[in-house]
Amino acid sequence: MKLQVSIDDVLEVLPPGAGTSLPKHVSFDTAPLASASIQELNLIGQRAEEACAQVEKLLDNGMLADVAKVRIVHGFGTGALRRAVAEVLSKHAGVEKFYPAELHDGGGGATIVDLKS
């Protein structure tokens, strides 16, 4: 499982006196969202309600960071996630257009979103 969160959403929960050094396998990327050419959100295995909240957060963060495109991976399954994502995208003021990804980017299992600039 891969999870990407803002550094502002990270809360340190060490016991008192445990020290402040991080284990060597932990790293934080504090670069702004716009540093990547395209942002991605993987929703596979999630329920529609939970996924829709994450889609809205991705879109809002993408607009704030002036990202041009985002990719939302919803998989094929029953199509419930794809339909829920499409409903959110059709109502969001920051979405210019959205369409199925090219075959090499996930095909019908992913949606590409062009954000308004």
N, C-alpha and C. Protein backbone atom coordinates (compact mmCIF):
# COMPACT_ATOMS: atom_id res chain seq x y z
N MET A 1 0.85 -1.17 0.00
CA MET A 1 0.00 0.00 0.00
C MET A 1 0.89 1.23 0.00
N LYS A 2 0.55 2.20 -0.81
CA LYS A 2 1.32 3.43 -0.92
C LYS A 2 0.41 4.58 -0.53
N LEU A 3 0.89 5.47 0.31
CA LEU A 3 0.08 6.57 0.80
C LEU A 3 0.89 7.85 0.69
N GLN A 4 0.28 8.88 0.15
CA GLN A 4 0.94 10.17 0.01
C GLN A 4 0.13 11.20 0.76
N VAL A 5 0.75 11.84 1.74
CA VAL A 5 0.06 12.85 2.54
C VAL A 5 0.92 14.09 2.63
N SER A 6 0.29 15.19 2.92
CA SER A 6 0.99 16.44 3.12
C SER A 6 1.75 16.37 4.43
N ILE A 7 2.87 17.05 4.52
CA ILE A 7 3.66 17.08 5.74
C ILE A 7 2.84 17.68 6.88
N ASP A 8 1.88 18.54 6.54
CA ASP A 8 1.02 19.16 7.56
C ASP A 8 0.07 18.14 8.20
N ASP A 9 -0.18 17.02 7.51
CA ASP A 9 -1.08 16.00 8.03
C ASP A 9 -0.36 14.95 8.88
N VAL A 10 0.96 15.09 9.05
CA VAL A 10 1.75 14.12 9.80
C VAL A 10 1.86 14.60 11.25
N LEU A 11 1.56 13.72 12.19
CA LEU A 11 1.62 14.04 13.61
C LEU A 11 2.61 13.09 14.27
N GLU A 12 3.58 13.63 14.97
CA GLU A 12 4.58 12.81 15.65
C GLU A 12 3.97 12.28 16.93
N VAL A 13 4.06 10.97 17.15
CA VAL A 13 3.47 10.34 18.33
C VAL A 13 4.49 9.48 19.06
N LEU A 14 5.61 10.06 19.41
CA LEU A 14 6.64 9.35 20.15
C LEU A 14 6.42 9.54 21.65
N PRO A 15 6.75 8.52 22.44
CA PRO A 15 6.63 8.69 23.89
C PRO A 15 7.68 9.70 24.38
N PRO A 16 7.43 10.36 25.51
CA PRO A 16 8.39 11.34 26.03
C PRO A 16 9.76 10.70 26.24
N GLY A 17 10.80 11.39 25.83
CA GLY A 17 12.16 10.91 26.01
C GLY A 17 12.60 9.88 25.00
N ALA A 18 11.82 9.63 23.96
CA ALA A 18 12.16 8.60 22.97
C ALA A 18 13.18 9.10 21.96
N GLY A 19 13.53 10.37 22.03
CA GLY A 19 14.48 10.91 21.06
C GLY A 19 13.75 11.50 19.88
N THR A 20 14.46 12.28 19.09
CA THR A 20 13.83 12.95 17.96
C THR A 20 14.34 12.47 16.62
N SER A 21 15.26 11.52 16.61
CA SER A 21 15.77 11.06 15.32
C SER A 21 14.82 10.04 14.70
N LEU A 22 14.67 10.12 13.39
CA LEU A 22 13.81 9.21 12.65
C LEU A 22 14.58 7.95 12.27
N PRO A 23 13.91 6.82 12.17
CA PRO A 23 14.58 5.63 11.65
C PRO A 23 15.09 5.90 10.24
N LYS A 24 16.14 5.17 9.84
CA LYS A 24 16.77 5.42 8.54
C LYS A 24 15.87 5.11 7.36
N HIS A 25 14.86 4.26 7.54
CA HIS A 25 14.00 3.90 6.41
C HIS A 25 12.85 4.86 6.19
N VAL A 26 12.71 5.90 7.01
CA VAL A 26 11.63 6.87 6.87
C VAL A 26 12.16 8.13 6.22
N SER A 27 11.45 8.62 5.22
CA SER A 27 11.83 9.88 4.59
C SER A 27 10.58 10.66 4.25
N PHE A 28 10.73 11.97 4.22
CA PHE A 28 9.62 12.85 3.89
C PHE A 28 10.00 13.69 2.69
N ASP A 29 9.08 13.79 1.74
CA ASP A 29 9.28 14.65 0.58
C ASP A 29 8.48 15.91 0.83
N THR A 30 9.17 17.02 1.06
CA THR A 30 8.47 18.27 1.36
C THR A 30 8.37 19.16 0.14
N ALA A 31 8.68 18.64 -1.04
CA ALA A 31 8.57 19.43 -2.27
C ALA A 31 7.10 19.70 -2.55
N PRO A 32 6.78 20.83 -3.15
CA PRO A 32 5.38 21.12 -3.46
C PRO A 32 4.82 20.15 -4.49
N LEU A 33 3.50 20.02 -4.51
CA LEU A 33 2.84 19.10 -5.43
C LEU A 33 3.20 19.37 -6.89
N ALA A 34 3.43 20.62 -7.24
CA ALA A 34 3.68 20.97 -8.64
C ALA A 34 5.01 20.44 -9.14
N SER A 35 5.85 19.88 -8.27
CA SER A 35 7.15 19.39 -8.72
C SER A 35 7.02 18.18 -9.63
N ALA A 36 5.95 17.42 -9.49
CA ALA A 36 5.75 16.26 -10.36
C ALA A 36 4.92 16.69 -11.57
N SER A 37 5.14 16.03 -12.69
CA SER A 37 4.41 16.41 -13.90
C SER A 37 2.94 16.03 -13.82
N ILE A 38 2.62 14.98 -13.09
CA ILE A 38 1.23 14.58 -12.91
C ILE A 38 1.07 13.95 -11.53
N GLN A 39 0.01 14.31 -10.85
CA GLN A 39 -0.29 13.74 -9.55
C GLN A 39 -1.21 12.55 -9.73
N GLU A 40 -1.12 11.58 -8.82
CA GLU A 40 -1.91 10.37 -8.95
C GLU A 40 -2.56 10.00 -7.64
N LEU A 41 -3.77 9.47 -7.72
CA LEU A 41 -4.49 8.98 -6.55
C LEU A 41 -4.99 7.58 -6.88
N ASN A 42 -4.63 6.61 -6.03
CA ASN A 42 -5.05 5.23 -6.23
C ASN A 42 -6.20 4.93 -5.27
N LEU A 43 -7.37 4.62 -5.82
CA LEU A 43 -8.57 4.37 -5.03
C LEU A 43 -8.97 2.91 -4.98
N ILE A 44 -8.20 2.04 -5.57
CA ILE A 44 -8.57 0.63 -5.68
C ILE A 44 -8.79 0.04 -4.29
N GLY A 45 -9.94 -0.62 -4.13
CA GLY A 45 -10.28 -1.27 -2.87
C GLY A 45 -11.03 -0.39 -1.89
N GLN A 46 -11.26 0.87 -2.24
CA GLN A 46 -11.94 1.77 -1.33
C GLN A 46 -13.44 1.82 -1.63
N ARG A 47 -14.20 2.24 -0.66
CA ARG A 47 -15.63 2.46 -0.85
C ARG A 47 -15.83 3.82 -1.51
N ALA A 48 -16.92 3.96 -2.24
CA ALA A 48 -17.17 5.17 -3.04
C ALA A 48 -17.16 6.44 -2.19
N GLU A 49 -17.79 6.42 -1.03
CA GLU A 49 -17.87 7.62 -0.19
C GLU A 49 -16.48 8.09 0.24
N GLU A 50 -15.66 7.15 0.70
CA GLU A 50 -14.29 7.46 1.13
C GLU A 50 -13.47 7.96 -0.07
N ALA A 51 -13.64 7.31 -1.21
CA ALA A 51 -12.89 7.67 -2.41
C ALA A 51 -13.26 9.07 -2.89
N CYS A 52 -14.53 9.43 -2.84
CA CYS A 52 -14.97 10.74 -3.30
C CYS A 52 -14.34 11.86 -2.47
N ALA A 53 -14.23 11.66 -1.17
CA ALA A 53 -13.60 12.66 -0.31
C ALA A 53 -12.13 12.84 -0.69
N GLN A 54 -11.46 11.74 -1.01
CA GLN A 54 -10.05 11.82 -1.41
C GLN A 54 -9.89 12.50 -2.77
N VAL A 55 -10.83 12.24 -3.68
CA VAL A 55 -10.79 12.88 -5.00
C VAL A 55 -10.92 14.39 -4.84
N GLU A 56 -11.87 14.82 -4.03
CA GLU A 56 -12.05 16.26 -3.82
C GLU A 56 -10.80 16.90 -3.22
N LYS A 57 -10.18 16.22 -2.27
CA LYS A 57 -8.95 16.74 -1.66
C LYS A 57 -7.83 16.82 -2.69
N LEU A 58 -7.70 15.80 -3.53
CA LEU A 58 -6.69 15.80 -4.58
C LEU A 58 -6.90 16.97 -5.53
N LEU A 59 -8.14 17.18 -5.95
CA LEU A 59 -8.45 18.27 -6.87
C LEU A 59 -8.14 19.63 -6.25
N ASP A 60 -8.55 19.81 -5.01
CA ASP A 60 -8.30 21.08 -4.32
C ASP A 60 -6.80 21.33 -4.16
N ASN A 61 -6.06 20.30 -3.74
CA ASN A 61 -4.61 20.44 -3.58
C ASN A 61 -3.93 20.68 -4.92
N GLY A 62 -4.40 20.01 -5.96
CA GLY A 62 -3.84 20.20 -7.29
C GLY A 62 -4.03 21.61 -7.80
N MET A 63 -5.20 22.16 -7.55
CA MET A 63 -5.47 23.54 -7.97
C MET A 63 -4.60 24.52 -7.20
N LEU A 64 -4.47 24.31 -5.90
CA LEU A 64 -3.64 25.20 -5.08
C LEU A 64 -2.18 25.16 -5.51
N ALA A 65 -1.72 23.98 -5.94
CA ALA A 65 -0.33 23.81 -6.36
C ALA A 65 -0.14 24.09 -7.85
N ASP A 66 -1.21 24.49 -8.53
CA ASP A 66 -1.17 24.82 -9.95
C ASP A 66 -0.73 23.64 -10.81
N VAL A 67 -1.25 22.46 -10.48
CA VAL A 67 -0.99 21.24 -11.26
C VAL A 67 -1.96 21.22 -12.44
N ALA A 68 -1.47 20.85 -13.61
CA ALA A 68 -2.31 20.86 -14.82
C ALA A 68 -3.17 19.61 -14.95
N LYS A 69 -2.63 18.45 -14.56
CA LYS A 69 -3.34 17.17 -14.74
C LYS A 69 -3.17 16.31 -13.51
N VAL A 70 -4.18 15.49 -13.25
CA VAL A 70 -4.08 14.46 -12.23
C VAL A 70 -4.62 13.16 -12.81
N ARG A 71 -4.14 12.05 -12.28
CA ARG A 71 -4.64 10.74 -12.70
C ARG A 71 -5.27 10.07 -11.49
N ILE A 72 -6.46 9.56 -11.68
CA ILE A 72 -7.18 8.87 -10.61
C ILE A 72 -7.33 7.42 -11.04
N VAL A 73 -6.74 6.52 -10.28
CA VAL A 73 -6.79 5.08 -10.58
C VAL A 73 -7.93 4.49 -9.75
N HIS A 74 -8.97 4.01 -10.45
CA HIS A 74 -10.13 3.44 -9.77
C HIS A 74 -10.32 1.98 -10.09
N GLY A 75 -9.58 1.45 -11.04
CA GLY A 75 -9.70 0.05 -11.42
C GLY A 75 -10.94 -0.21 -12.26
N PHE A 76 -11.17 -1.48 -12.58
CA PHE A 76 -12.31 -1.85 -13.41
C PHE A 76 -13.46 -2.34 -12.53
N GLY A 77 -13.29 -3.43 -11.83
CA GLY A 77 -14.30 -3.95 -10.91
C GLY A 77 -15.71 -3.86 -11.44
N THR A 78 -16.63 -3.43 -10.59
CA THR A 78 -18.04 -3.31 -10.97
C THR A 78 -18.32 -1.97 -11.65
N GLY A 79 -17.38 -1.05 -11.59
CA GLY A 79 -17.57 0.27 -12.18
C GLY A 79 -18.12 1.29 -11.20
N ALA A 80 -18.39 0.87 -9.95
CA ALA A 80 -18.98 1.78 -8.96
C ALA A 80 -18.02 2.94 -8.65
N LEU A 81 -16.74 2.64 -8.47
CA LEU A 81 -15.78 3.71 -8.18
C LEU A 81 -15.65 4.67 -9.36
N ARG A 82 -15.58 4.13 -10.56
CA ARG A 82 -15.47 4.97 -11.76
C ARG A 82 -16.66 5.92 -11.86
N ARG A 83 -17.86 5.41 -11.62
CA ARG A 83 -19.06 6.25 -11.69
C ARG A 83 -19.06 7.31 -10.58
N ALA A 84 -18.66 6.92 -9.38
CA ALA A 84 -18.62 7.87 -8.26
C ALA A 84 -17.60 8.97 -8.53
N VAL A 85 -16.44 8.59 -9.06
CA VAL A 85 -15.40 9.57 -9.40
C VAL A 85 -15.91 10.50 -10.49
N ALA A 86 -16.54 9.96 -11.51
CA ALA A 86 -17.06 10.79 -12.61
C ALA A 86 -18.09 11.79 -12.09
N GLU A 87 -18.91 11.38 -11.14
CA GLU A 87 -19.91 12.30 -10.58
C GLU A 87 -19.24 13.46 -9.85
N VAL A 88 -18.21 13.16 -9.06
CA VAL A 88 -17.48 14.22 -8.34
C VAL A 88 -16.81 15.15 -9.35
N LEU A 89 -16.18 14.58 -10.37
CA LEU A 89 -15.47 15.38 -11.36
C LEU A 89 -16.42 16.28 -12.15
N SER A 90 -17.59 15.78 -12.46
CA SER A 90 -18.54 16.58 -13.25
C SER A 90 -19.08 17.77 -12.48
N LYS A 91 -19.03 17.72 -11.15
CA LYS A 91 -19.56 18.80 -10.32
C LYS A 91 -18.49 19.75 -9.77
N HIS A 92 -17.22 19.37 -9.87
CA HIS A 92 -16.15 20.18 -9.27
C HIS A 92 -15.81 21.37 -10.16
N ALA A 93 -15.78 22.55 -9.56
CA ALA A 93 -15.54 23.79 -10.31
C ALA A 93 -14.14 23.88 -10.91
N GLY A 94 -13.18 23.15 -10.38
CA GLY A 94 -11.80 23.24 -10.86
C GLY A 94 -11.47 22.30 -12.00
N VAL A 95 -12.43 21.49 -12.43
CA VAL A 95 -12.16 20.50 -13.48
C VAL A 95 -12.50 21.08 -14.85
N GLU A 96 -11.49 21.12 -15.72
CA GLU A 96 -11.69 21.56 -17.11
C GLU A 96 -12.37 20.45 -17.90
N LYS A 97 -11.77 19.24 -17.85
CA LYS A 97 -12.35 18.07 -18.50
C LYS A 97 -11.72 16.82 -17.89
N PHE A 98 -12.37 15.67 -18.10
CA PHE A 98 -11.81 14.39 -17.65
C PHE A 98 -12.16 13.33 -18.68
N TYR A 99 -11.30 12.31 -18.75
CA TYR A 99 -11.42 11.29 -19.78
C TYR A 99 -10.64 10.05 -19.36
N PRO A 100 -10.97 8.88 -19.95
CA PRO A 100 -10.23 7.65 -19.62
C PRO A 100 -8.76 7.80 -20.01
N ALA A 101 -7.92 7.19 -19.21
CA ALA A 101 -6.48 7.23 -19.47
C ALA A 101 -6.14 6.44 -20.73
N GLU A 102 -5.01 6.78 -21.34
CA GLU A 102 -4.49 5.99 -22.45
C GLU A 102 -4.18 4.58 -21.94
N LEU A 103 -4.10 3.63 -22.82
CA LEU A 103 -3.87 2.24 -22.46
C LEU A 103 -2.62 2.08 -21.58
N HIS A 104 -1.53 2.76 -21.92
CA HIS A 104 -0.27 2.63 -21.16
C HIS A 104 -0.34 3.33 -19.79
N ASP A 105 -1.38 4.13 -19.55
CA ASP A 105 -1.55 4.82 -18.27
C ASP A 105 -2.68 4.25 -17.44
N GLY A 106 -3.20 3.09 -17.82
CA GLY A 106 -4.25 2.45 -17.04
C GLY A 106 -5.54 2.22 -17.79
N GLY A 107 -5.65 2.78 -18.99
CA GLY A 107 -6.84 2.57 -19.80
C GLY A 107 -8.11 2.93 -19.07
N GLY A 108 -9.13 2.10 -19.19
CA GLY A 108 -10.42 2.35 -18.55
C GLY A 108 -10.39 2.22 -17.04
N GLY A 109 -9.28 1.76 -16.49
CA GLY A 109 -9.15 1.63 -15.03
C GLY A 109 -8.63 2.89 -14.37
N ALA A 110 -8.43 3.95 -15.17
CA ALA A 110 -7.94 5.21 -14.63
C ALA A 110 -8.59 6.36 -15.39
N THR A 111 -8.68 7.49 -14.73
CA THR A 111 -9.25 8.69 -15.34
C THR A 111 -8.23 9.81 -15.25
N ILE A 112 -8.03 10.51 -16.37
CA ILE A 112 -7.15 11.68 -16.40
C ILE A 112 -8.03 12.92 -16.25
N VAL A 113 -7.59 13.85 -15.42
CA VAL A 113 -8.35 15.08 -15.18
C VAL A 113 -7.49 16.27 -15.53
N ASP A 114 -7.98 17.11 -16.42
CA ASP A 114 -7.33 18.39 -16.72
C ASP A 114 -7.95 19.44 -15.82
N LEU A 115 -7.10 20.10 -15.02
CA LEU A 115 -7.59 21.11 -14.10
C LEU A 115 -7.55 22.49 -14.76
N LYS A 116 -8.48 23.34 -14.35
CA LYS A 116 -8.50 24.72 -14.84
C LYS A 116 -7.29 25.45 -14.27
N SER A 117 -6.73 26.34 -15.07
CA SER A 117 -5.56 27.09 -14.60
C SER A 117 -5.94 28.43 -14.05
